[in-house]
C-alpha cells in the first residue's frame, strides 16, 4: 500500500513537471487571407491572423519576416499561455504595385511547429 502511494506521488510530480516545462503549439485559424481587389492609392491594408496556443507550455513568437518591404508583420513577443489566444497583424502597401500579388510571412515560434508560413494575396487596381 505504501508503495502504491509513493508511485502515485511520483506520477503526480512528473505530471506537474511536464506541465510547467511543456511546449507551446501554435494553431492559426487561417493561414491564407485574400484581400480581393484593393485600390493602389487607398493606403495600407491590414489583416489580423488569429492563433491559439494548443500546447501545454508558453508560446512566444520569436520573429516574423516578410519576403519584401511592401509587407510588414507586427506582433507581440509576450508569452501566450496554454489555451490562450494571440494575433499577428500583416500590412501590405499597394502603392506602385498594380496587379496580382501573393506574399509570404514566415513566423518563427518557440513552440511546435517552430515555423509557420502565412500568405496574403489580392489584386491591386487603380
N, C-alpha and C. Protein backbone atom coordinates (compact mmCIF):
# COMPACT_ATOMS: atom_id res chain seq x y z
N UNK A 1 0.82 -1.19 0.00
CA UNK A 1 0.00 0.00 0.00
C UNK A 1 0.87 1.26 0.00
N UNK A 2 1.93 1.25 0.79
CA UNK A 2 2.83 2.40 0.85
C UNK A 2 3.51 2.60 -0.50
N UNK A 3 3.85 1.48 -1.16
CA UNK A 3 4.50 1.56 -2.47
C UNK A 3 3.57 2.20 -3.50
N UNK A 4 2.28 1.85 -3.46
CA UNK A 4 1.31 2.43 -4.37
C UNK A 4 1.20 3.93 -4.14
N UNK A 5 1.13 4.35 -2.89
CA UNK A 5 1.04 5.78 -2.56
C UNK A 5 2.29 6.52 -3.04
N UNK A 6 3.45 5.92 -2.87
CA UNK A 6 4.69 6.54 -3.31
C UNK A 6 4.71 6.70 -4.83
N UNK A 7 4.26 5.66 -5.54
CA UNK A 7 4.22 5.74 -7.00
C UNK A 7 3.25 6.81 -7.47
N UNK A 8 2.12 6.95 -6.80
CA UNK A 8 1.16 7.99 -7.16
C UNK A 8 1.75 9.38 -6.96
N UNK A 9 2.50 9.57 -5.88
CA UNK A 9 3.14 10.87 -5.64
C UNK A 9 4.17 11.18 -6.71
N UNK A 10 4.98 10.18 -7.10
CA UNK A 10 5.98 10.39 -8.15
C UNK A 10 5.30 10.71 -9.47
N UNK A 11 4.22 10.01 -9.78
CA UNK A 11 3.47 10.27 -11.02
C UNK A 11 2.90 11.67 -11.03
N UNK A 12 2.37 12.13 -9.90
CA UNK A 12 1.81 13.48 -9.83
C UNK A 12 2.91 14.52 -9.99
N UNK A 13 4.08 14.26 -9.39
CA UNK A 13 5.20 15.20 -9.52
C UNK A 13 5.67 15.27 -10.97
N UNK A 14 5.72 14.11 -11.66
CA UNK A 14 6.12 14.11 -13.07
C UNK A 14 5.13 14.88 -13.93
N UNK A 15 3.85 14.71 -13.66
CA UNK A 15 2.82 15.42 -14.42
C UNK A 15 2.96 16.92 -14.22
N UNK A 16 3.22 17.35 -12.99
CA UNK A 16 3.39 18.77 -12.71
C UNK A 16 4.63 19.32 -13.41
N UNK A 17 5.71 18.54 -13.40
CA UNK A 17 6.94 18.96 -14.05
C UNK A 17 6.72 19.12 -15.56
N UNK A 18 5.99 18.17 -16.18
CA UNK A 18 5.73 18.24 -17.61
C UNK A 18 4.90 19.47 -17.96
N UNK A 19 3.90 19.80 -17.13
CA UNK A 19 3.05 20.94 -17.46
C UNK A 19 3.81 22.26 -17.34
N UNK A 20 4.76 22.34 -16.42
CA UNK A 20 5.50 23.59 -16.28
C UNK A 20 6.61 23.71 -17.32
N UNK A 21 7.03 22.60 -17.88
CA UNK A 21 8.07 22.62 -18.90
C UNK A 21 7.53 22.20 -20.26
N UNK A 22 6.24 22.34 -20.46
CA UNK A 22 5.61 21.90 -21.71
C UNK A 22 6.01 22.77 -22.87
N UNK A 23 5.51 22.40 -24.01
CA UNK A 23 5.81 23.10 -25.25
C UNK A 23 4.54 23.74 -25.80
N UNK A 24 4.65 24.98 -26.22
CA UNK A 24 3.53 25.64 -26.85
C UNK A 24 3.30 25.08 -28.24
N UNK A 25 2.07 25.16 -28.70
CA UNK A 25 1.72 24.68 -30.04
C UNK A 25 0.85 25.73 -30.71
N UNK A 26 1.39 26.37 -31.74
CA UNK A 26 0.66 27.44 -32.41
C UNK A 26 -0.32 26.85 -33.41
N UNK A 27 -1.55 27.38 -33.38
CA UNK A 27 -2.60 26.92 -34.28
C UNK A 27 -3.33 28.15 -34.82
N UNK A 28 -3.02 28.52 -36.07
CA UNK A 28 -3.68 29.66 -36.70
C UNK A 28 -5.06 29.25 -37.20
N UNK A 29 -6.05 30.12 -37.03
CA UNK A 29 -7.40 29.83 -37.51
C UNK A 29 -7.45 29.86 -39.04
N UNK A 30 -6.52 30.55 -39.66
CA UNK A 30 -6.37 30.58 -41.12
C UNK A 30 -4.91 30.87 -41.43
N UNK A 31 -4.44 30.36 -42.56
CA UNK A 31 -3.06 30.61 -42.96
C UNK A 31 -2.96 31.41 -44.24
N UNK A 32 -4.10 31.63 -44.90
CA UNK A 32 -4.14 32.39 -46.14
C UNK A 32 -5.29 33.39 -46.05
N UNK A 33 -5.01 34.64 -46.45
CA UNK A 33 -6.07 35.64 -46.49
C UNK A 33 -6.03 36.35 -47.84
N UNK A 34 -7.20 36.48 -48.46
CA UNK A 34 -7.33 37.16 -49.75
C UNK A 34 -8.01 38.50 -49.53
N UNK A 35 -7.30 39.58 -49.83
CA UNK A 35 -7.86 40.93 -49.71
C UNK A 35 -8.86 41.23 -50.82
N UNK A 36 -8.84 40.44 -51.89
CA UNK A 36 -9.69 40.75 -53.04
C UNK A 36 -9.08 41.92 -53.79
N UNK A 37 -9.94 42.78 -54.31
CA UNK A 37 -9.46 43.97 -55.03
C UNK A 37 -9.25 45.10 -54.05
N UNK A 38 -8.05 45.71 -54.13
CA UNK A 38 -7.74 46.87 -53.28
C UNK A 38 -7.23 47.99 -54.17
N UNK A 39 -7.47 49.22 -53.76
CA UNK A 39 -7.06 50.39 -54.55
C UNK A 39 -5.59 50.70 -54.30
N UNK A 40 -4.89 50.95 -55.40
CA UNK A 40 -3.46 51.26 -55.32
C UNK A 40 -3.19 52.47 -54.44
N UNK A 41 -4.03 53.48 -54.54
CA UNK A 41 -3.80 54.71 -53.77
C UNK A 41 -4.68 54.75 -52.51
N UNK A 42 -5.19 53.62 -52.10
CA UNK A 42 -6.06 53.55 -50.92
C UNK A 42 -5.31 53.42 -49.60
N UNK A 43 -4.00 53.31 -49.66
CA UNK A 43 -3.22 53.18 -48.44
C UNK A 43 -3.05 51.72 -48.01
N UNK A 44 -2.37 51.56 -46.89
CA UNK A 44 -2.11 50.23 -46.35
C UNK A 44 -3.39 49.46 -46.10
N UNK A 45 -3.32 48.14 -46.34
CA UNK A 45 -4.39 47.23 -45.94
C UNK A 45 -3.79 46.29 -44.91
N UNK A 46 -4.59 45.91 -43.92
CA UNK A 46 -4.09 45.09 -42.82
C UNK A 46 -5.05 43.95 -42.53
N UNK A 47 -4.49 42.81 -42.18
CA UNK A 47 -5.28 41.67 -41.75
C UNK A 47 -4.66 41.09 -40.48
N UNK A 48 -5.51 40.67 -39.55
CA UNK A 48 -5.04 40.02 -38.32
C UNK A 48 -5.22 38.51 -38.45
N UNK A 49 -4.13 37.79 -38.31
CA UNK A 49 -4.16 36.33 -38.27
C UNK A 49 -4.26 35.94 -36.79
N UNK A 50 -5.35 35.29 -36.42
CA UNK A 50 -5.56 34.88 -35.03
C UNK A 50 -5.02 33.47 -34.81
N UNK A 51 -4.45 33.25 -33.62
CA UNK A 51 -3.95 31.92 -33.30
C UNK A 51 -4.26 31.58 -31.84
N UNK A 52 -4.20 30.30 -31.57
CA UNK A 52 -4.39 29.78 -30.22
C UNK A 52 -3.18 28.92 -29.88
N UNK A 53 -2.78 28.96 -28.62
CA UNK A 53 -1.73 28.07 -28.13
C UNK A 53 -2.41 26.79 -27.66
N UNK A 54 -2.33 25.75 -28.48
CA UNK A 54 -2.94 24.46 -28.15
C UNK A 54 -1.98 23.52 -27.43
N UNK A 55 -0.83 24.04 -27.03
CA UNK A 55 0.15 23.21 -26.33
C UNK A 55 -0.02 23.27 -24.83
N UNK A 56 0.94 22.68 -24.12
CA UNK A 56 0.87 22.66 -22.66
C UNK A 56 1.98 23.50 -22.01
N UNK A 57 2.57 24.40 -22.79
CA UNK A 57 3.57 25.33 -22.28
C UNK A 57 3.39 26.67 -22.95
N UNK A 58 4.13 27.67 -22.48
CA UNK A 58 4.03 29.01 -23.08
C UNK A 58 4.54 29.00 -24.51
N UNK A 59 3.99 29.91 -25.30
CA UNK A 59 4.37 30.06 -26.70
C UNK A 59 4.80 31.51 -26.92
N UNK A 60 5.91 31.69 -27.62
CA UNK A 60 6.40 33.04 -27.93
C UNK A 60 6.68 33.12 -29.43
N UNK A 61 6.19 34.19 -30.07
CA UNK A 61 6.59 34.46 -31.44
C UNK A 61 7.95 35.12 -31.37
N UNK A 62 8.95 34.44 -31.90
CA UNK A 62 10.33 34.94 -31.84
C UNK A 62 10.61 35.96 -32.94
N UNK A 63 10.07 35.72 -34.13
CA UNK A 63 10.20 36.69 -35.22
C UNK A 63 9.19 36.35 -36.30
N UNK A 64 8.90 37.34 -37.12
CA UNK A 64 8.05 37.18 -38.29
C UNK A 64 8.67 38.02 -39.39
N UNK A 65 8.96 37.38 -40.51
CA UNK A 65 9.63 38.08 -41.59
C UNK A 65 8.83 37.96 -42.89
N UNK A 66 8.83 39.04 -43.64
CA UNK A 66 8.16 39.08 -44.94
C UNK A 66 9.22 39.01 -46.03
N UNK A 67 8.80 38.60 -47.20
CA UNK A 67 9.75 38.44 -48.30
C UNK A 67 10.09 39.75 -49.01
N UNK A 68 9.36 40.83 -48.68
CA UNK A 68 9.69 42.12 -49.30
C UNK A 68 9.26 43.25 -48.37
N UNK A 69 9.71 44.45 -48.70
CA UNK A 69 9.41 45.62 -47.87
C UNK A 69 7.98 46.12 -47.96
N UNK A 70 7.23 45.63 -48.93
CA UNK A 70 5.84 46.06 -49.08
C UNK A 70 4.92 45.38 -48.07
N UNK A 71 5.42 44.35 -47.42
CA UNK A 71 4.63 43.56 -46.47
C UNK A 71 5.28 43.65 -45.10
N UNK A 72 4.48 44.02 -44.08
CA UNK A 72 5.01 44.20 -42.73
C UNK A 72 4.22 43.41 -41.70
N UNK A 73 4.86 42.46 -41.05
CA UNK A 73 4.19 41.78 -39.93
C UNK A 73 4.45 42.55 -38.64
N UNK A 74 3.48 42.51 -37.73
CA UNK A 74 3.68 43.08 -36.38
C UNK A 74 3.01 42.14 -35.38
N UNK A 75 3.63 42.01 -34.22
CA UNK A 75 3.18 41.04 -33.23
C UNK A 75 3.75 41.39 -31.87
N UNK A 76 3.19 40.78 -30.86
CA UNK A 76 3.71 40.93 -29.50
C UNK A 76 4.66 39.77 -29.23
N UNK A 77 5.76 40.07 -28.52
CA UNK A 77 6.67 38.98 -28.16
C UNK A 77 6.41 38.49 -26.73
N UNK A 78 5.26 38.87 -26.17
CA UNK A 78 4.87 38.39 -24.84
C UNK A 78 4.45 36.93 -24.94
N UNK A 79 4.77 36.13 -23.93
CA UNK A 79 4.36 34.72 -23.95
C UNK A 79 2.84 34.57 -23.96
N UNK A 80 2.38 33.59 -24.73
CA UNK A 80 0.96 33.25 -24.79
C UNK A 80 0.81 31.91 -24.08
N UNK A 81 0.05 31.90 -22.99
CA UNK A 81 -0.10 30.71 -22.18
C UNK A 81 -0.93 29.63 -22.86
N UNK A 82 -0.86 28.41 -22.35
CA UNK A 82 -1.67 27.32 -22.90
C UNK A 82 -3.16 27.68 -22.90
N UNK A 83 -3.82 27.43 -24.03
CA UNK A 83 -5.24 27.72 -24.17
C UNK A 83 -5.56 29.17 -24.46
N UNK A 84 -4.58 30.04 -24.44
CA UNK A 84 -4.80 31.46 -24.70
C UNK A 84 -4.62 31.77 -26.19
N UNK A 85 -5.07 32.95 -26.58
CA UNK A 85 -5.02 33.35 -27.98
C UNK A 85 -4.16 34.59 -28.19
N UNK A 86 -3.75 34.78 -29.41
CA UNK A 86 -2.97 35.95 -29.79
C UNK A 86 -3.26 36.29 -31.24
N UNK A 87 -2.58 37.31 -31.73
CA UNK A 87 -2.77 37.70 -33.13
C UNK A 87 -1.48 38.24 -33.70
N UNK A 88 -1.36 38.11 -34.99
CA UNK A 88 -0.24 38.64 -35.74
C UNK A 88 -0.85 39.46 -36.88
N UNK A 89 -0.49 40.74 -36.95
CA UNK A 89 -1.03 41.61 -37.99
C UNK A 89 -0.05 41.64 -39.16
N UNK A 90 -0.63 41.62 -40.37
CA UNK A 90 0.17 41.74 -41.58
C UNK A 90 -0.41 42.88 -42.41
N UNK A 91 0.46 43.87 -42.73
CA UNK A 91 0.05 45.01 -43.54
C UNK A 91 0.73 44.93 -44.91
N UNK A 92 0.00 45.40 -45.92
CA UNK A 92 0.52 45.42 -47.28
C UNK A 92 0.34 46.81 -47.86
N UNK A 93 1.39 47.33 -48.50
CA UNK A 93 1.35 48.65 -49.13
C UNK A 93 1.20 48.47 -50.64
N UNK A 94 0.03 48.79 -51.20
CA UNK A 94 -0.22 48.57 -52.63
C UNK A 94 0.33 49.66 -53.56
N UNK A 95 0.80 50.77 -53.01
CA UNK A 95 1.22 51.90 -53.83
C UNK A 95 2.34 51.50 -54.80
N UNK A 96 2.10 51.73 -56.09
CA UNK A 96 3.10 51.43 -57.11
C UNK A 96 3.21 49.95 -57.45
N UNK A 97 2.21 49.16 -57.05
CA UNK A 97 2.27 47.71 -57.28
C UNK A 97 0.97 47.19 -57.91
N UNK A 98 0.60 47.70 -59.10
CA UNK A 98 -0.64 47.24 -59.71
C UNK A 98 -0.55 45.76 -60.11
N UNK A 99 -1.71 45.09 -60.09
CA UNK A 99 -1.78 43.69 -60.49
C UNK A 99 -1.92 42.75 -59.31
N UNK A 100 -1.84 41.48 -59.60
CA UNK A 100 -2.00 40.44 -58.57
C UNK A 100 -0.76 40.36 -57.69
N UNK A 101 -0.99 39.99 -56.44
CA UNK A 101 0.14 39.77 -55.53
C UNK A 101 -0.16 38.59 -54.62
N UNK A 102 0.90 37.93 -54.19
CA UNK A 102 0.83 36.90 -53.14
C UNK A 102 2.13 37.00 -52.37
N UNK A 103 2.02 37.28 -51.09
CA UNK A 103 3.20 37.49 -50.24
C UNK A 103 3.17 36.49 -49.09
N UNK A 104 4.36 36.05 -48.69
CA UNK A 104 4.50 35.07 -47.62
C UNK A 104 5.17 35.73 -46.42
N UNK A 105 4.63 35.44 -45.24
CA UNK A 105 5.25 35.85 -43.97
C UNK A 105 5.62 34.57 -43.24
N UNK A 106 6.89 34.45 -42.87
CA UNK A 106 7.35 33.28 -42.13
C UNK A 106 7.42 33.64 -40.66
N UNK A 107 6.69 32.87 -39.85
CA UNK A 107 6.59 33.10 -38.41
C UNK A 107 7.44 32.04 -37.71
N UNK A 108 8.37 32.49 -36.87
CA UNK A 108 9.21 31.59 -36.10
C UNK A 108 8.76 31.65 -34.64
N UNK A 109 8.49 30.47 -34.04
CA UNK A 109 7.97 30.42 -32.68
C UNK A 109 8.88 29.59 -31.77
N UNK A 110 8.61 29.69 -30.49
CA UNK A 110 9.32 28.88 -29.51
C UNK A 110 8.69 27.50 -29.38
N UNK A 111 7.60 27.29 -30.09
CA UNK A 111 6.84 26.05 -29.91
C UNK A 111 6.88 25.13 -31.11
N UNK A 112 5.78 24.43 -31.27
CA UNK A 112 5.63 23.44 -32.32
C UNK A 112 4.42 23.82 -33.16
N UNK A 113 4.54 23.97 -34.45
CA UNK A 113 5.79 23.92 -35.21
C UNK A 113 6.64 25.17 -34.94
N UNK A 114 7.90 25.04 -35.22
CA UNK A 114 8.79 26.19 -34.96
C UNK A 114 8.66 27.24 -36.05
N UNK A 115 8.18 26.85 -37.24
CA UNK A 115 7.97 27.82 -38.33
C UNK A 115 6.62 27.56 -38.99
N UNK A 116 5.93 28.68 -39.28
CA UNK A 116 4.65 28.64 -39.97
C UNK A 116 4.70 29.68 -41.08
N UNK A 117 4.15 29.34 -42.24
CA UNK A 117 4.09 30.28 -43.36
C UNK A 117 2.65 30.76 -43.52
N UNK A 118 2.48 32.08 -43.48
CA UNK A 118 1.18 32.70 -43.71
C UNK A 118 1.24 33.41 -45.05
N UNK A 119 0.09 33.49 -45.75
CA UNK A 119 0.06 34.14 -47.05
C UNK A 119 -1.05 35.19 -47.08
N UNK A 120 -0.73 36.29 -47.76
CA UNK A 120 -1.76 37.27 -48.12
C UNK A 120 -1.74 37.38 -49.64
N UNK A 121 -2.89 37.65 -50.20
CA UNK A 121 -2.97 37.81 -51.66
C UNK A 121 -4.08 38.79 -52.00
N UNK A 122 -4.08 39.20 -53.25
CA UNK A 122 -5.11 40.11 -53.71
C UNK A 122 -4.75 40.67 -55.07
N UNK A 123 -5.52 41.66 -55.49
CA UNK A 123 -5.30 42.32 -56.77
C UNK A 123 -5.35 43.82 -56.52
N UNK A 124 -4.29 44.52 -56.92
CA UNK A 124 -4.21 45.96 -56.77
C UNK A 124 -4.76 46.59 -58.06
N UNK A 125 -5.77 47.45 -57.88
CA UNK A 125 -6.39 48.14 -59.01
C UNK A 125 -6.19 49.64 -58.84
N UNK A 126 -6.35 50.41 -59.95
CA UNK A 126 -6.17 51.86 -59.87
C UNK A 126 -7.27 52.54 -59.10
